[in-house]
C-alpha atoms as a PDB file:
ATOM      1  CA  MET A   1      45.717 161.705 226.364  1.00  0.00           C
ATOM      2  CA  PHE A   2      42.315 161.044 224.867  1.00  0.00           C
ATOM      3  CA  VAL A   3      40.502 163.319 222.501  1.00  0.00           C
ATOM      4  CA  GLY A   4      37.183 162.824 220.885  1.00  0.00           C
ATOM      5  CA  SER A   5      34.655 164.394 218.631  1.00  0.00           C
ATOM      6  CA  ALA A   6      31.173 163.691 217.454  1.00  0.00           C
ATOM      7  CA  HIS A   7      29.756 164.617 214.091  1.00  0.00           C
ATOM      8  CA  LEU A   8      26.499 166.488 213.632  1.00  0.00           C
ATOM      9  CA  HIS A   9      25.418 167.831 210.253  1.00  0.00           C
ATOM     10  CA  GLY A  10      29.000 167.753 208.988  1.00  0.00           C
ATOM     11  CA  LEU A  11      30.404 169.616 211.999  1.00  0.00           C
ATOM     12  CA  SER A  12      32.976 168.030 214.246  1.00  0.00           C
ATOM     13  CA  LEU A  13      32.149 168.912 217.838  1.00  0.00           C
ATOM     14  CA  PRO A  14      34.178 168.091 220.952  1.00  0.00           C
ATOM     15  CA  LEU A  15      32.550 165.400 223.070  1.00  0.00           C
ATOM     16  CA  GLN A  16      32.603 167.693 226.090  1.00  0.00           C
ATOM     17  CA  VAL A  17      30.078 169.923 224.309  1.00  0.00           C
ATOM     18  CA  TYR A  18      28.174 167.371 222.248  1.00  0.00           C
ATOM     19  CA  CYS A  19      27.563 164.458 224.625  1.00  0.00           C
ATOM     20  CA  PRO A  20      25.624 166.134 227.449  1.00  0.00           C
ATOM     21  CA  PRO A  21      22.924 167.508 225.131  1.00  0.00           C
ATOM     22  CA  LEU A  22      22.951 164.261 223.164  1.00  0.00           C
ATOM     23  CA  THR A  23      22.662 161.986 226.177  1.00  0.00           C
ATOM     24  CA  CYS A  24      20.130 163.986 228.168  1.00  0.00           C
ATOM     25  CA  HIS A  25      17.023 165.282 226.521  1.00  0.00           C
ATOM     26  CA  SER A  26      13.644 166.109 227.949  1.00  0.00           C
ATOM     27  CA  SER A  27      10.102 165.159 227.155  1.00  0.00           C
ATOM     28  CA  ARG A  28       6.798 166.001 228.819  1.00  0.00           C
ATOM     29  CA  GLN A  29       7.215 162.785 230.851  1.00  0.00           C
ATOM     30  CA  GLY A  30      10.510 164.063 232.335  1.00  0.00           C
ATOM     31  CA  LEU A  31      14.195 163.718 231.701  1.00  0.00           C
ATOM     32  CA  LYS A  32      15.401 160.769 229.661  1.00  0.00           C
ATOM     33  CA  CYS A  33      18.988 159.647 229.185  1.00  0.00           C
ATOM     34  CA  THR A  34      20.304 157.627 226.288  1.00  0.00           C
ATOM     35  CA  ASN A  35      23.732 156.426 225.208  1.00  0.00           C
ATOM     36  CA  CYS A  36      26.125 158.565 223.222  1.00  0.00           C
ATOM     37  CA  ASP A  37      26.076 156.304 220.152  1.00  0.00           C
ATOM     38  CA  GLY A  38      27.997 157.276 217.066  1.00  0.00           C
ATOM     39  CA  ALA A  39      30.661 159.285 218.865  1.00  0.00           C
ATOM     40  CA  ASP A  40      34.226 158.420 217.995  1.00  0.00           C
ATOM     41  CA  ILE A  41      36.966 158.569 220.602  1.00  0.00           C
ATOM     42  CA  GLY A  42      40.534 158.258 219.446  1.00  0.00           C
ATOM     43  CA  GLU A  43      43.721 157.883 221.395  1.00  0.00           C
ATOM     44  CA  LEU A  44      46.512 160.292 220.670  1.00  0.00           C
ATOM     45  CA  ASN A  45      49.891 158.557 220.392  1.00  0.00           C
ATOM     46  CA  ARG A  46      53.230 160.304 220.051  1.00  0.00           C
ATOM     47  CA  THR A  47      56.537 159.034 218.749  1.00  0.00           C
ATOM     48  CA  ALA A  48      59.783 159.863 220.577  1.00  0.00           C
ATOM     49  CA  ASP A  49      60.554 162.656 218.072  1.00  0.00           C
ATOM     50  CA  GLU A  50      57.084 164.112 218.434  1.00  0.00           C
ATOM     51  CA  ALA A  51      57.422 163.971 222.218  1.00  0.00           C
ATOM     52  CA  GLU A  52      60.676 165.955 222.018  1.00  0.00           C
ATOM     53  CA  ILE A  53      59.036 168.563 219.784  1.00  0.00           C
ATOM     54  CA  ALA A  54      56.064 168.686 222.147  1.00  0.00           C
ATOM     55  CA  LYS A  55      58.347 169.500 225.087  1.00  0.00           C
ATOM     56  CA  THR A  56      59.577 172.642 223.335  1.00  0.00           C
ATOM     57  CA  SER A  57      56.074 174.011 222.885  1.00  0.00           C
ATOM     58  CA  LEU A  58      54.420 172.610 226.009  1.00  0.00           C
ATOM     59  CA  LYS A  59      53.653 176.049 227.441  1.00  0.00           C
ATOM     60  CA  LYS A  60      51.921 177.199 224.259  1.00  0.00           C
ATOM     61  CA  PHE A  61      50.008 173.921 224.080  1.00  0.00           C
ATOM     62  CA  ALA A  62      48.991 174.153 227.748  1.00  0.00           C
ATOM     63  CA  ASP A  63      47.698 177.683 227.165  1.00  0.00           C
ATOM     64  CA  PHE A  64      45.766 176.502 224.102  1.00  0.00           C
ATOM     65  CA  VAL A  65      44.271 173.551 225.998  1.00  0.00           C
ATOM     66  CA  LEU A  66      43.213 175.838 228.841  1.00  0.00           C
ATOM     67  CA  ASP A  67      41.648 178.296 226.392  1.00  0.00           C
ATOM     68  CA  ALA A  68      39.805 175.487 224.616  1.00  0.00           C
ATOM     69  CA  ALA A  69      38.651 173.925 227.889  1.00  0.00           C
ATOM     70  CA  ASN A  70      37.327 177.270 229.123  1.00  0.00           C
ATOM     71  CA  THR A  71      35.454 177.774 225.857  1.00  0.00           C
ATOM     72  CA  LEU A  72      33.885 174.331 226.131  1.00  0.00           C
ATOM     73  CA  ARG A  73      32.913 174.927 229.748  1.00  0.00           C
ATOM     74  CA  SER A  74      31.123 178.100 228.681  1.00  0.00           C
ATOM     75  CA  ALA A  75      29.178 176.087 226.116  1.00  0.00           C
ATOM     76  CA  LEU A  76      28.093 173.650 228.832  1.00  0.00           C
ATOM     77  CA  VAL A  77      26.977 176.511 231.069  1.00  0.00           C
ATOM     78  CA  GLY A  78      24.783 177.836 228.260  1.00  0.00           C
ATOM     79  CA  TRP A  79      23.398 174.381 227.528  1.00  0.00           C
ATOM     80  CA  ASN A  80      22.659 173.809 231.233  1.00  0.00           C
ATOM     81  CA  LYS A  81      20.660 177.032 231.394  1.00  0.00           C
ATOM     82  CA  SER A  82      18.706 176.232 228.229  1.00  0.00           C
ATOM     83  CA  LEU A  83      17.939 172.693 229.377  1.00  0.00           C
ATOM     84  CA  SER A  84      16.920 173.867 232.843  1.00  0.00           C
ATOM     85  CA  ASN A  85      14.370 176.260 231.338  1.00  0.00           C
ATOM     86  CA  GLU A  86      13.013 173.527 229.089  1.00  0.00           C
ATOM     87  CA  ILE A  87      12.516 170.895 231.784  1.00  0.00           C
ATOM     88  CA  ALA A  88      11.598 173.077 234.781  1.00  0.00           C
ATOM     89  CA  PRO A  89       7.850 172.940 233.961  1.00  0.00           C
ATOM     90  CA  ASP A  90       8.081 169.153 234.372  1.00  0.00           C
ATOM     91  CA  GLY A  91       9.498 169.522 237.883  1.00  0.00           C
ATOM     92  CA  VAL A  92      13.010 168.497 236.828  1.00  0.00           C
ATOM     93  CA  THR A  93      15.984 170.590 237.898  1.00  0.00           C
ATOM     94  CA  CYS A  94      19.301 170.898 236.080  1.00  0.00           C
ATOM     95  CA  ASN A  95      22.382 172.342 237.774  1.00  0.00           C
ATOM     96  CA  LEU A  96      26.155 172.252 237.379  1.00  0.00           C
ATOM     97  CA  ILE A  97      28.656 171.575 240.137  1.00  0.00           C
ATOM     98  CA  VAL A  98      32.085 173.091 239.566  1.00  0.00           C
ATOM     99  CA  PRO A  99      34.617 171.159 241.631  1.00  0.00           C
ATOM    100  CA  GLY A 100      37.885 172.504 242.858  1.00  0.00           C
ATOM    101  CA  ARG A 101      40.767 170.285 243.875  1.00  0.00           C
ATOM    102  CA  ILE A 102      38.979 167.259 245.328  1.00  0.00           C
ATOM    103  CA  GLN A 103      41.214 164.592 246.916  1.00  0.00           C
ATOM    104  CA  THR A 104      40.971 161.704 244.439  1.00  0.00           C
ATOM    105  CA  SER A 105      43.376 159.273 242.836  1.00  0.00           C
ATOM    106  CA  ARG A 106      43.424 161.595 239.791  1.00  0.00           C
ATOM    107  CA  VAL A 107      44.594 164.510 241.946  1.00  0.00           C
ATOM    108  CA  ASP A 108      47.252 162.202 243.407  1.00  0.00           C
ATOM    109  CA  GLN A 109      48.433 161.468 239.849  1.00  0.00           C
ATOM    110  CA  LEU A 110      48.493 165.170 238.976  1.00  0.00           C
ATOM    111  CA  ASP A 111      50.466 166.032 242.112  1.00  0.00           C
ATOM    112  CA  GLU A 112      52.936 163.205 241.470  1.00  0.00           C
ATOM    113  CA  ALA A 113      53.400 164.364 237.871  1.00  0.00           C
ATOM    114  CA  ALA A 114      53.957 167.956 239.041  1.00  0.00           C
ATOM    115  CA  ALA A 115      56.548 166.769 241.564  1.00  0.00           C
ATOM    116  CA  LYS A 116      58.367 164.802 238.876  1.00  0.00           C
ATOM    117  CA  ARG A 117      58.170 167.651 236.354  1.00  0.00           C
ATOM    118  CA  THR A 118      59.420 170.311 238.800  1.00  0.00           C
ATOM    119  CA  GLY A 119      61.851 168.164 240.782  1.00  0.00           C
ATOM    120  CA  LYS A 120      60.079 169.100 244.018  1.00  0.00           C
ATOM    121  CA  ALA A 121      59.082 166.717 246.782  1.00  0.00           C
ATOM    122  CA  LEU A 122      55.480 165.508 246.597  1.00  0.00           C
ATOM    123  CA  ASP A 123      54.682 167.076 249.985  1.00  0.00           C
ATOM    124  CA  GLU A 124      56.037 170.410 248.731  1.00  0.00           C
ATOM    125  CA  VAL A 125      53.819 170.270 245.632  1.00  0.00           C
ATOM    126  CA  ARG A 126      50.764 169.454 247.740  1.00  0.00           C
ATOM    127  CA  ALA A 127      51.573 172.208 250.227  1.00  0.00           C
ATOM    128  CA  GLY A 128      51.797 174.710 247.368  1.00  0.00           C
ATOM    129  CA  SER A 129      48.478 173.577 245.937  1.00  0.00           C
ATOM    130  CA  ARG A 130      46.775 173.759 249.331  1.00  0.00           C
ATOM    131  CA  ALA A 131      48.216 177.223 249.969  1.00  0.00           C
ATOM    132  CA  ALA A 132      46.482 178.476 246.812  1.00  0.00           C
ATOM    133  CA  ILE A 133      43.076 177.379 248.169  1.00  0.00           C
ATOM    134  CA  PRO A 134      41.481 179.762 250.715  1.00  0.00           C
ATOM    135  CA  THR A 135      40.364 176.850 252.934  1.00  0.00           C
ATOM    136  CA  GLY A 136      43.956 175.574 252.879  1.00  0.00           C
ATOM    137  CA  ARG A 137      43.057 172.024 251.913  1.00  0.00           C
ATOM    138  CA  TYR A 138      41.749 169.761 249.177  1.00  0.00           C
ATOM    139  CA  GLY A 139      38.065 168.953 249.195  1.00  0.00           C
ATOM    140  CA  HIS A 140      36.761 165.549 250.192  1.00  0.00           C
ATOM    141  CA  VAL A 141      34.732 163.415 247.792  1.00  0.00           C
ATOM    142  CA  GLU A 142      32.040 163.256 250.472  1.00  0.00           C
ATOM    143  CA  GLU A 143      31.694 167.052 250.336  1.00  0.00           C
ATOM    144  CA  PHE A 144      31.205 166.935 246.583  1.00  0.00           C
ATOM    145  CA  ALA A 145      28.739 164.039 246.981  1.00  0.00           C
ATOM    146  CA  ASP A 146      26.816 165.961 249.647  1.00  0.00           C
ATOM    147  CA  MET A 147      26.453 168.912 247.279  1.00  0.00           C
ATOM    148  CA  ALA A 148      25.235 166.641 244.480  1.00  0.00           C
ATOM    149  CA  THR A 149      22.838 164.881 246.863  1.00  0.00           C
ATOM    150  CA  PHE A 150      21.406 168.205 247.993  1.00  0.00           C
ATOM    151  CA  LEU A 151      20.924 169.442 244.428  1.00  0.00           C
ATOM    152  CA  CYS A 152      19.122 166.200 243.562  1.00  0.00           C
ATOM    153  CA  SER A 153      16.861 166.419 246.611  1.00  0.00           C
ATOM    154  CA  ASN A 154      13.427 167.983 247.013  1.00  0.00           C
ATOM    155  CA  ARG A 155      15.024 170.609 249.277  1.00  0.00           C
ATOM    156  CA  ALA A 156      16.680 172.075 246.156  1.00  0.00           C
ATOM    157  CA  GLY A 157      13.524 171.881 244.054  1.00  0.00           C
ATOM    158  CA  TYR A 158      13.568 175.645 243.424  1.00  0.00           C
ATOM    159  CA  THR A 159      17.224 175.646 242.361  1.00  0.00           C
ATOM    160  CA  THR A 160      17.656 175.104 238.640  1.00  0.00           C
ATOM    161  CA  GLY A 161      19.942 176.432 235.930  1.00  0.00           C
ATOM    162  CA  SER A 162      22.542 177.208 238.583  1.00  0.00           C
ATOM    163  CA  ILE A 163      26.282 176.778 238.801  1.00  0.00           C
ATOM    164  CA  VAL A 164      27.400 175.714 242.272  1.00  0.00           C
ATOM    165  CA  ARG A 165      31.063 175.821 243.221  1.00  0.00           C
ATOM    166  CA  CYS A 166      32.525 173.184 245.501  1.00  0.00           C
ATOM    167  CA  ASP A 167      36.075 174.503 245.489  1.00  0.00           C
ATOM    168  CA  GLY A 168      37.103 175.796 248.910  1.00  0.00           C
ATOM    169  CA  GLY A 169      36.982 179.329 247.508  1.00  0.00           C
ATOM    170  CA  ALA A 170      39.655 178.609 244.884  1.00  0.00           C
ATOM    171  CA  ILE A 171      37.823 180.298 242.000  1.00  0.00           C
ATOM    172  CA  LYS A 172      38.547 183.993 242.429  1.00  0.00           C
ATOM    173  CA  GLY A 173      35.932 185.389 240.051  1.00  0.00           C
ATOM    174  CA  VAL A 174      32.277 186.051 240.716  1.00  0.00           C
END
């Protein structure tokens, strides 16, 4: 597991929140991207004893991680909207794509880990995941790429500050 933070005016901020605004900033000439210099990323290592302790509180930790991730996502949504308003006069759009379960090697790893953790067959884990998605399947990387391509095209020139879901209907909220 990797964690990271960047430091700004004495505050430690998660990279998920800090890097997008740091790496993408606008000017009257358009959007410019720079490197995320000065950010520290550290690897979290656990000893065998710590791993055993972690198993006993995995559910609480998973809930905390989900809560933290949702909070950080909200920060990115706010930043996206602010940036989109700032750069729209220059003809630059800024949108977010929210992916669902897209068939990638990472999803394969997650499914394999779930099968191992639950003692279920891999096909059973995948079937359960697919059943939770209204389209009944994982998305294809090409579908995600098509959405990104559209949002970057002139045909989406009037779409900015938006959040577009590419999730097969998996997100139940509005």
